[in-house]
PDB file of N, CA and C in Angstrom:
ATOM      1  N   MET A   1     -64.149  17.439 -44.752  1.00  0.00           N
ATOM      2  CA  MET A   1     -63.366  17.081 -44.550  1.00  0.00           C
ATOM      3  C   MET A   1     -61.975  18.587 -43.930  1.00  0.00           C
ATOM      4  N   LEU A   2     -62.364  19.747 -44.891  1.00  0.00           N
ATOM      5  CA  LEU A   2     -61.897  21.058 -44.399  1.00  0.00           C
ATOM      6  C   LEU A   2     -62.321  21.453 -42.916  1.00  0.00           C
ATOM      7  N   ASP A   3     -63.399  21.519 -42.793  1.00  0.00           N
ATOM      8  CA  ASP A   3     -63.992  21.882 -41.344  1.00  0.00           C
ATOM      9  C   ASP A   3     -63.679  20.851 -40.201  1.00  0.00           C
ATOM     10  N   GLU A   4     -63.303  19.698 -40.768  1.00  0.00           N
ATOM     11  CA  GLU A   4     -62.507  18.801 -39.639  1.00  0.00           C
ATOM     12  C   GLU A   4     -61.045  18.988 -39.460  1.00  0.00           C
ATOM     13  N   LEU A   5     -60.529  19.328 -40.375  1.00  0.00           N
ATOM     14  CA  LEU A   5     -59.444  19.865 -40.084  1.00  0.00           C
ATOM     15  C   LEU A   5     -59.024  21.239 -39.286  1.00  0.00           C
ATOM     16  N   LYS A   6     -60.232  21.923 -39.631  1.00  0.00           N
ATOM     17  CA  LYS A   6     -59.971  23.448 -38.935  1.00  0.00           C
ATOM     18  C   LYS A   6     -60.400  23.450 -37.499  1.00  0.00           C
ATOM     19  N   ASP A   7     -61.453  22.471 -36.863  1.00  0.00           N
ATOM     20  CA  ASP A   7     -61.555  22.102 -35.989  1.00  0.00           C
ATOM     21  C   ASP A   7     -60.416  21.622 -35.104  1.00  0.00           C
ATOM     22  N   ILE A   8     -59.981  20.765 -36.072  1.00  0.00           N
ATOM     23  CA  ILE A   8     -58.495  20.055 -35.021  1.00  0.00           C
ATOM     24  C   ILE A   8     -57.676  21.199 -34.719  1.00  0.00           C
ATOM     25  N   GLU A   9     -57.305  22.058 -35.880  1.00  0.00           N
ATOM     26  CA  GLU A   9     -56.355  23.231 -35.535  1.00  0.00           C
ATOM     27  C   GLU A   9     -56.989  23.868 -34.386  1.00  0.00           C
ATOM     28  N   ARG A  10     -58.059  24.327 -34.392  1.00  0.00           N
ATOM     29  CA  ARG A  10     -58.620  24.975 -32.795  1.00  0.00           C
ATOM     30  C   ARG A  10     -58.498  24.071 -31.656  1.00  0.00           C
ATOM     31  N   GLU A  11     -58.805  23.067 -31.911  1.00  0.00           N
ATOM     32  CA  GLU A  11     -58.442  22.313 -30.911  1.00  0.00           C
ATOM     33  C   GLU A  11     -56.849  22.301 -30.545  1.00  0.00           C
ATOM     34  N   LEU A  12     -55.837  22.241 -31.396  1.00  0.00           N
ATOM     35  CA  LEU A  12     -54.501  22.112 -31.166  1.00  0.00           C
ATOM     36  C   LEU A  12     -53.864  23.551 -30.322  1.00  0.00           C
ATOM     37  N   ASP A  13     -54.719  24.839 -30.794  1.00  0.00           N
ATOM     38  CA  ASP A  13     -54.511  25.996 -30.406  1.00  0.00           C
ATOM     39  C   ASP A  13     -54.751  26.064 -28.840  1.00  0.00           C
ATOM     40  N   ARG A  14     -55.766  25.550 -29.224  1.00  0.00           N
ATOM     41  CA  ARG A  14     -56.743  25.744 -27.174  1.00  0.00           C
ATOM     42  C   ARG A  14     -55.808  24.762 -26.587  1.00  0.00           C
ATOM     43  N   ILE A  15     -55.206  23.605 -26.838  1.00  0.00           N
ATOM     44  CA  ILE A  15     -54.453  23.038 -25.857  1.00  0.00           C
ATOM     45  C   ILE A  15     -52.955  23.441 -25.571  1.00  0.00           C
ATOM     46  N   LYS A  16     -52.330  24.294 -26.921  1.00  0.00           N
ATOM     47  CA  LYS A  16     -51.215  24.831 -26.622  1.00  0.00           C
ATOM     48  C   LYS A  16     -51.109  25.927 -25.608  1.00  0.00           C
ATOM     49  N   ARG A  17     -52.377  26.682 -25.645  1.00  0.00           N
ATOM     50  CA  ARG A  17     -52.665  27.432 -24.888  1.00  0.00           C
ATOM     51  C   ARG A  17     -52.809  27.159 -23.170  1.00  0.00           C
ATOM     52  N   ARG A  18     -53.403  26.210 -23.145  1.00  0.00           N
ATOM     53  CA  ARG A  18     -53.364  25.593 -21.895  1.00  0.00           C
ATOM     54  C   ARG A  18     -51.931  24.813 -21.464  1.00  0.00           C
ATOM     55  N   VAL A  19     -51.395  24.443 -21.886  1.00  0.00           N
ATOM     56  CA  VAL A  19     -50.069  23.928 -21.753  1.00  0.00           C
ATOM     57  C   VAL A  19     -48.587  25.015 -21.349  1.00  0.00           C
ATOM     58  N   ARG A  20     -48.917  26.160 -22.317  1.00  0.00           N
ATOM     59  CA  ARG A  20     -48.015  27.364 -22.038  1.00  0.00           C
ATOM     60  C   ARG A  20     -48.701  27.773 -20.617  1.00  0.00           C
ATOM     61  N   ALA A  21     -50.175  27.993 -20.127  1.00  0.00           N
ATOM     62  CA  ALA A  21     -50.682  28.501 -18.857  1.00  0.00           C
ATOM     63  C   ALA A  21     -49.909  27.361 -18.043  1.00  0.00           C
ATOM     64  N   MET A  22     -50.017  25.968 -18.018  1.00  0.00           N
ATOM     65  CA  MET A  22     -49.623  25.309 -16.886  1.00  0.00           C
ATOM     66  C   MET A  22     -48.123  25.655 -16.626  1.00  0.00           C
ATOM     67  N   ILE A  23     -47.253  25.634 -17.824  1.00  0.00           N
ATOM     68  CA  ILE A  23     -45.900  25.823 -17.624  1.00  0.00           C
ATOM     69  C   ILE A  23     -45.788  26.992 -17.082  1.00  0.00           C
ATOM     70  N   ASN A  24     -46.262  28.127 -17.381  1.00  0.00           N
ATOM     71  CA  ASN A  24     -46.074  29.549 -16.646  1.00  0.00           C
ATOM     72  C   ASN A  24     -46.547  29.466 -14.858  1.00  0.00           C
ATOM     73  N   HIS A  25     -47.407  28.699 -14.970  1.00  0.00           N
ATOM     74  CA  HIS A  25     -48.038  28.429 -13.001  1.00  0.00           C
ATOM     75  C   HIS A  25     -46.817  27.578 -12.724  1.00  0.00           C
ATOM     76  N   LEU A  26     -46.044  26.636 -13.420  1.00  0.00           N
ATOM     77  CA  LEU A  26     -45.253  25.612 -12.424  1.00  0.00           C
ATOM     78  C   LEU A  26     -43.966  26.210 -12.529  1.00  0.00           C
ATOM     79  N   GLU A  27     -43.583  27.403 -13.307  1.00  0.00           N
ATOM     80  CA  GLU A  27     -42.051  28.259 -13.329  1.00  0.00           C
ATOM     81  C   GLU A  27     -42.528  29.273 -11.804  1.00  0.00           C
ATOM     82  N   LYS A  28     -43.472  29.957 -12.023  1.00  0.00           N
ATOM     83  CA  LYS A  28     -43.845  30.918 -10.851  1.00  0.00           C
ATOM     84  C   LYS A  28     -43.849  30.169  -9.827  1.00  0.00           C
ATOM     85  N   ARG A  29     -44.392  28.657  -9.512  1.00  0.00           N
ATOM     86  CA  ARG A  29     -44.421  27.933  -8.100  1.00  0.00           C
ATOM     87  C   ARG A  29     -42.878  27.709  -8.091  1.00  0.00           C
ATOM     88  N   HIS A  30     -42.221  27.001  -8.805  1.00  0.00           N
ATOM     89  CA  HIS A  30     -40.607  26.579  -8.428  1.00  0.00           C
ATOM     90  C   HIS A  30     -40.298  28.032  -8.273  1.00  0.00           C
ATOM     91  N   VAL A  31     -39.978  28.979  -8.931  1.00  0.00           N
ATOM     92  CA  VAL A  31     -39.531  30.108  -8.254  1.00  0.00           C
ATOM     93  C   VAL A  31     -39.984  30.298  -6.575  1.00  0.00           C
ATOM     94  N   ARG A  32     -41.526  30.229  -6.724  1.00  0.00           N
ATOM     95  CA  ARG A  32     -42.067  30.841  -5.006  1.00  0.00           C
ATOM     96  C   ARG A  32     -41.152  29.782  -3.950  1.00  0.00           C
ATOM     97  N   LEU A  33     -41.083  28.459  -4.315  1.00  0.00           N
ATOM     98  CA  LEU A  33     -41.000  27.493  -3.594  1.00  0.00           C
ATOM     99  C   LEU A  33     -39.213  27.510  -3.304  1.00  0.00           C
ATOM    100  N   ASN A  34     -38.603  27.990  -4.276  1.00  0.00           N
ATOM    101  CA  ASN A  34     -37.150  28.501  -4.082  1.00  0.00           C
ATOM    102  C   ASN A  34     -36.912  29.127  -3.159  1.00  0.00           C
ATOM    103  N   GLN A  35     -38.084  30.248  -3.081  1.00  0.00           N
ATOM    104  CA  GLN A  35     -37.572  31.169  -2.118  1.00  0.00           C
ATOM    105  C   GLN A  35     -38.130  31.146  -0.555  1.00  0.00           C
ATOM    106  N   LEU A  36     -38.804  30.359  -0.548  1.00  0.00           N
ATOM    107  CA  LEU A  36     -39.250  29.678   1.062  1.00  0.00           C
ATOM    108  C   LEU A  36     -38.024  29.157   1.608  1.00  0.00           C
ATOM    109  N   SER A  37     -37.823  29.566   3.145  1.00  0.00           N
ATOM    110  CA  SER A  37     -36.919  28.998   4.201  1.00  0.00           C
ATOM    111  C   SER A  37     -37.650  27.546   4.097  1.00  0.00           C
ATOM    112  N   ASP A  38     -36.334  26.710   4.512  1.00  0.00           N
ATOM    113  CA  ASP A  38     -36.619  25.092   4.619  1.00  0.00           C
ATOM    114  C   ASP A  38     -38.068  24.993   5.330  1.00  0.00           C
ATOM    115  N   ASP A  39     -38.220  25.375   6.682  1.00  0.00           N
ATOM    116  CA  ASP A  39     -39.545  25.402   7.720  1.00  0.00           C
ATOM    117  C   ASP A  39     -40.674  25.735   6.897  1.00  0.00           C
ATOM    118  N   GLU A  40     -40.556  26.757   6.116  1.00  0.00           N
ATOM    119  CA  GLU A  40     -41.655  27.205   5.199  1.00  0.00           C
ATOM    120  C   GLU A  40     -42.192  26.079   4.240  1.00  0.00           C
ATOM    121  N   LEU A  41     -40.908  25.953   3.444  1.00  0.00           N
ATOM    122  CA  LEU A  41     -40.989  24.568   2.188  1.00  0.00           C
ATOM    123  C   LEU A  41     -41.826  23.442   3.197  1.00  0.00           C
ATOM    124  N   LEU A  42     -41.296  22.881   3.965  1.00  0.00           N
ATOM    125  CA  LEU A  42     -41.592  21.701   4.729  1.00  0.00           C
ATOM    126  C   LEU A  42     -43.219  21.918   4.861  1.00  0.00           C
ATOM    127  N   SER A  43     -43.407  22.926   5.708  1.00  0.00           N
ATOM    128  CA  SER A  43     -45.140  23.206   5.711  1.00  0.00           C
ATOM    129  C   SER A  43     -45.996  23.257   4.605  1.00  0.00           C
ATOM    130  N   GLU A  44     -45.412  23.952   3.419  1.00  0.00           N
ATOM    131  CA  GLU A  44     -46.174  24.208   2.593  1.00  0.00           C
ATOM    132  C   GLU A  44     -46.286  22.734   1.586  1.00  0.00           C
ATOM    133  N   VAL A  45     -45.401  21.848   1.998  1.00  0.00           N
ATOM    134  CA  VAL A  45     -45.363  20.702   1.034  1.00  0.00           C
ATOM    135  C   VAL A  45     -46.402  19.547   1.979  1.00  0.00           C
ATOM    136  N   GLY A  46     -46.121  19.698   3.436  1.00  0.00           N
ATOM    137  CA  GLY A  46     -46.658  18.851   4.095  1.00  0.00           C
ATOM    138  C   GLY A  46     -48.335  18.909   4.129  1.00  0.00           C
ATOM    139  N   SER A  47     -48.677  20.175   3.923  1.00  0.00           N
ATOM    140  CA  SER A  47     -50.023  20.405   3.987  1.00  0.00           C
ATOM    141  C   SER A  47     -50.579  19.638   2.679  1.00  0.00           C
ATOM    142  N   ARG A  48     -49.886  19.098   1.645  1.00  0.00           N
ATOM    143  CA  ARG A  48     -50.439  18.428   0.960  1.00  0.00           C
ATOM    144  C   ARG A  48     -50.202  16.982   0.807  1.00  0.00           C
ATOM    145  N   THR A  49     -49.857  16.665   1.912  1.00  0.00           N
ATOM    146  CA  THR A  49     -49.724  15.304   2.052  1.00  0.00           C
ATOM    147  C   THR A  49     -50.944  14.680   2.307  1.00  0.00           C
ATOM    148  N   LEU A  50     -50.743  12.958   2.415  1.00  0.00           N
ATOM    149  CA  LEU A  50     -51.996  12.322   2.684  1.00  0.00           C
ATOM    150  C   LEU A  50     -51.936  12.235   3.970  1.00  0.00           C
ATOM    151  N   PRO A  51     -52.910  11.818   4.932  1.00  0.00           N
ATOM    152  CA  PRO A  51     -52.929  11.336   6.061  1.00  0.00           C
ATOM    153  C   PRO A  51     -52.436  10.167   6.312  1.00  0.00           C
ATOM    154  N   ALA A  52     -51.796   9.901   7.558  1.00  0.00           N
ATOM    155  CA  ALA A  52     -50.812   7.846   7.268  1.00  0.00           C
ATOM    156  C   ALA A  52     -51.989   6.770   6.985  1.00  0.00           C
ATOM    157  N   THR A  53     -53.266   7.168   7.557  1.00  0.00           N
ATOM    158  CA  THR A  53     -54.272   6.427   7.126  1.00  0.00           C
ATOM    159  C   THR A  53     -54.950   5.836   5.898  1.00  0.00           C
ATOM    160  N   ASP A  54     -54.692   6.976   5.180  1.00  0.00           N
ATOM    161  CA  ASP A  54     -55.104   7.174   3.490  1.00  0.00           C
ATOM    162  C   ASP A  54     -54.084   6.558   2.659  1.00  0.00           C
ATOM    163  N   ILE A  55     -52.784   6.815   3.149  1.00  0.00           N
ATOM    164  CA  ILE A  55     -51.742   6.345   2.473  1.00  0.00           C
ATOM    165  C   ILE A  55     -51.735   4.985   2.884  1.00  0.00           C
ATOM    166  N   ALA A  56     -52.115   3.953   3.914  1.00  0.00           N
ATOM    167  CA  ALA A  56     -51.942   2.831   4.381  1.00  0.00           C
ATOM    168  C   ALA A  56     -52.942   2.110   3.227  1.00  0.00           C
ATOM    169  N   LYS A  57     -54.323   2.700   3.374  1.00  0.00           N
ATOM    170  CA  LYS A  57     -55.210   2.145   2.426  1.00  0.00           C
ATOM    171  C   LYS A  57     -55.043   1.766   1.225  1.00  0.00           C
ATOM    172  N   LEU A  58     -54.508   2.835   0.543  1.00  0.00           N
ATOM    173  CA  LEU A  58     -53.703   2.898  -0.767  1.00  0.00           C
ATOM    174  C   LEU A  58     -52.766   1.861  -1.357  1.00  0.00           C
ATOM    175  N   LEU A  59     -51.907   1.726  -0.297  1.00  0.00           N
ATOM    176  CA  LEU A  59     -51.029   0.658  -0.598  1.00  0.00           C
ATOM    177  C   LEU A  59     -51.404  -0.908  -0.058  1.00  0.00           C
ATOM    178  N   ALA A  60     -52.654  -0.847   0.318  1.00  0.00           N
ATOM    179  CA  ALA A  60     -53.308  -2.411   1.192  1.00  0.00           C
ATOM    180  C   ALA A  60     -54.160  -2.688  -0.425  1.00  0.00           C
ATOM    181  N   SER A  61     -54.859  -1.424  -1.188  1.00  0.00           N
ATOM    182  CA  SER A  61     -55.476  -2.020  -2.044  1.00  0.00           C
ATOM    183  C   SER A  61     -54.758  -2.084  -3.193  1.00  0.00           C
ATOM    184  N   ALA A  62     -53.204  -1.502  -3.315  1.00  0.00           N
ATOM    185  CA  ALA A  62     -52.243  -1.598  -4.120  1.00  0.00           C
ATOM    186  C   ALA A  62     -51.414  -3.063  -4.408  1.00  0.00           C
ATOM    187  N   GLU A  63     -51.690  -3.593  -3.100  1.00  0.00           N
ATOM    188  CA  GLU A  63     -51.186  -5.268  -3.066  1.00  0.00           C
ATOM    189  C   GLU A  63     -52.257  -6.035  -3.314  1.00  0.00           C
ATOM    190  N   LYS A  64     -53.302  -5.818  -3.481  1.00  0.00           N
ATOM    191  CA  LYS A  64     -54.369  -6.760  -4.202  1.00  0.00           C
ATOM    192  C   LYS A  64     -54.535  -6.768  -5.437  1.00  0.00           C
ATOM    193  N   PRO A  65     -54.359  -8.264  -5.711  1.00  0.00           N
ATOM    194  CA  PRO A  65     -53.951  -8.201  -7.135  1.00  0.00           C
ATOM    195  C   PRO A  65     -55.588  -8.053  -7.805  1.00  0.00           C
ATOM    196  N   ALA A  66     -55.539  -7.718  -9.059  1.00  0.00           N
ATOM    197  CA  ALA A  66     -56.708  -7.253  -9.855  1.00  0.00           C
ATOM    198  C   ALA A  66     -57.424  -8.312 -10.429  1.00  0.00           C
ATOM    199  N   LYS A  67     -58.618  -8.186 -10.176  1.00  0.00           N
ATOM    200  CA  LYS A  67     -59.526  -9.316 -10.563  1.00  0.00           C
ATOM    201  C   LYS A  67     -59.488  -9.100 -12.256  1.00  0.00           C
ATOM    202  N   LYS A  68     -59.167 -10.410 -13.034  1.00  0.00           N
ATOM    203  CA  LYS A  68     -59.266 -10.420 -14.143  1.00  0.00           C
ATOM    204  C   LYS A  68     -60.408 -10.373 -14.949  1.00  0.00           C
ATOM    205  N   LYS A  69     -61.036  -9.653 -15.798  1.00  0.00           N
ATOM    206  CA  LYS A  69     -62.556  -9.613 -16.480  1.00  0.00           C
ATOM    207  C   LYS A  69     -62.572 -10.872 -17.600  1.00  0.00           C
ATOM    208  N   THR A  70     -63.213 -11.277 -17.450  1.00  0.00           N
ATOM    209  CA  THR A  70     -63.463 -12.579 -18.341  1.00  0.00           C
ATOM    210  C   THR A  70     -64.711 -12.124 -19.497  1.00  0.00           C
ATOM    211  N   ARG A  71     -64.516 -12.392 -20.704  1.00  0.00           N
ATOM    212  CA  ARG A  71     -65.290 -12.392 -21.810  1.00  0.00           C
ATOM    213  C   ARG A  71     -66.520 -13.202 -22.116  1.00  0.00           C
ATOM    214  N   SER A  72     -67.339 -12.817 -22.066  1.00  0.00           N
ATOM    215  CA  SER A  72     -68.546 -13.372 -22.138  1.00  0.00           C
ATOM    216  C   SER A  72     -68.990 -13.727 -23.526  1.00  0.00           C
TER     217      SER A  72
END
């Protein structure tokens, strides 16, 4: 039981470190994006946008009703 609690505590510490690292990364990115001009910002964000054909495929697949799984 004590070993399990120690494992949980270690895992919690690991998760806390990862969350802190993610927050630091996002804060740095936020500051960097705020320093860009409008054109630079559009090119930065635009470089991460999906092509129109991929967006259309995603929308089409989202409109299809999901098949219900039947229990055997």
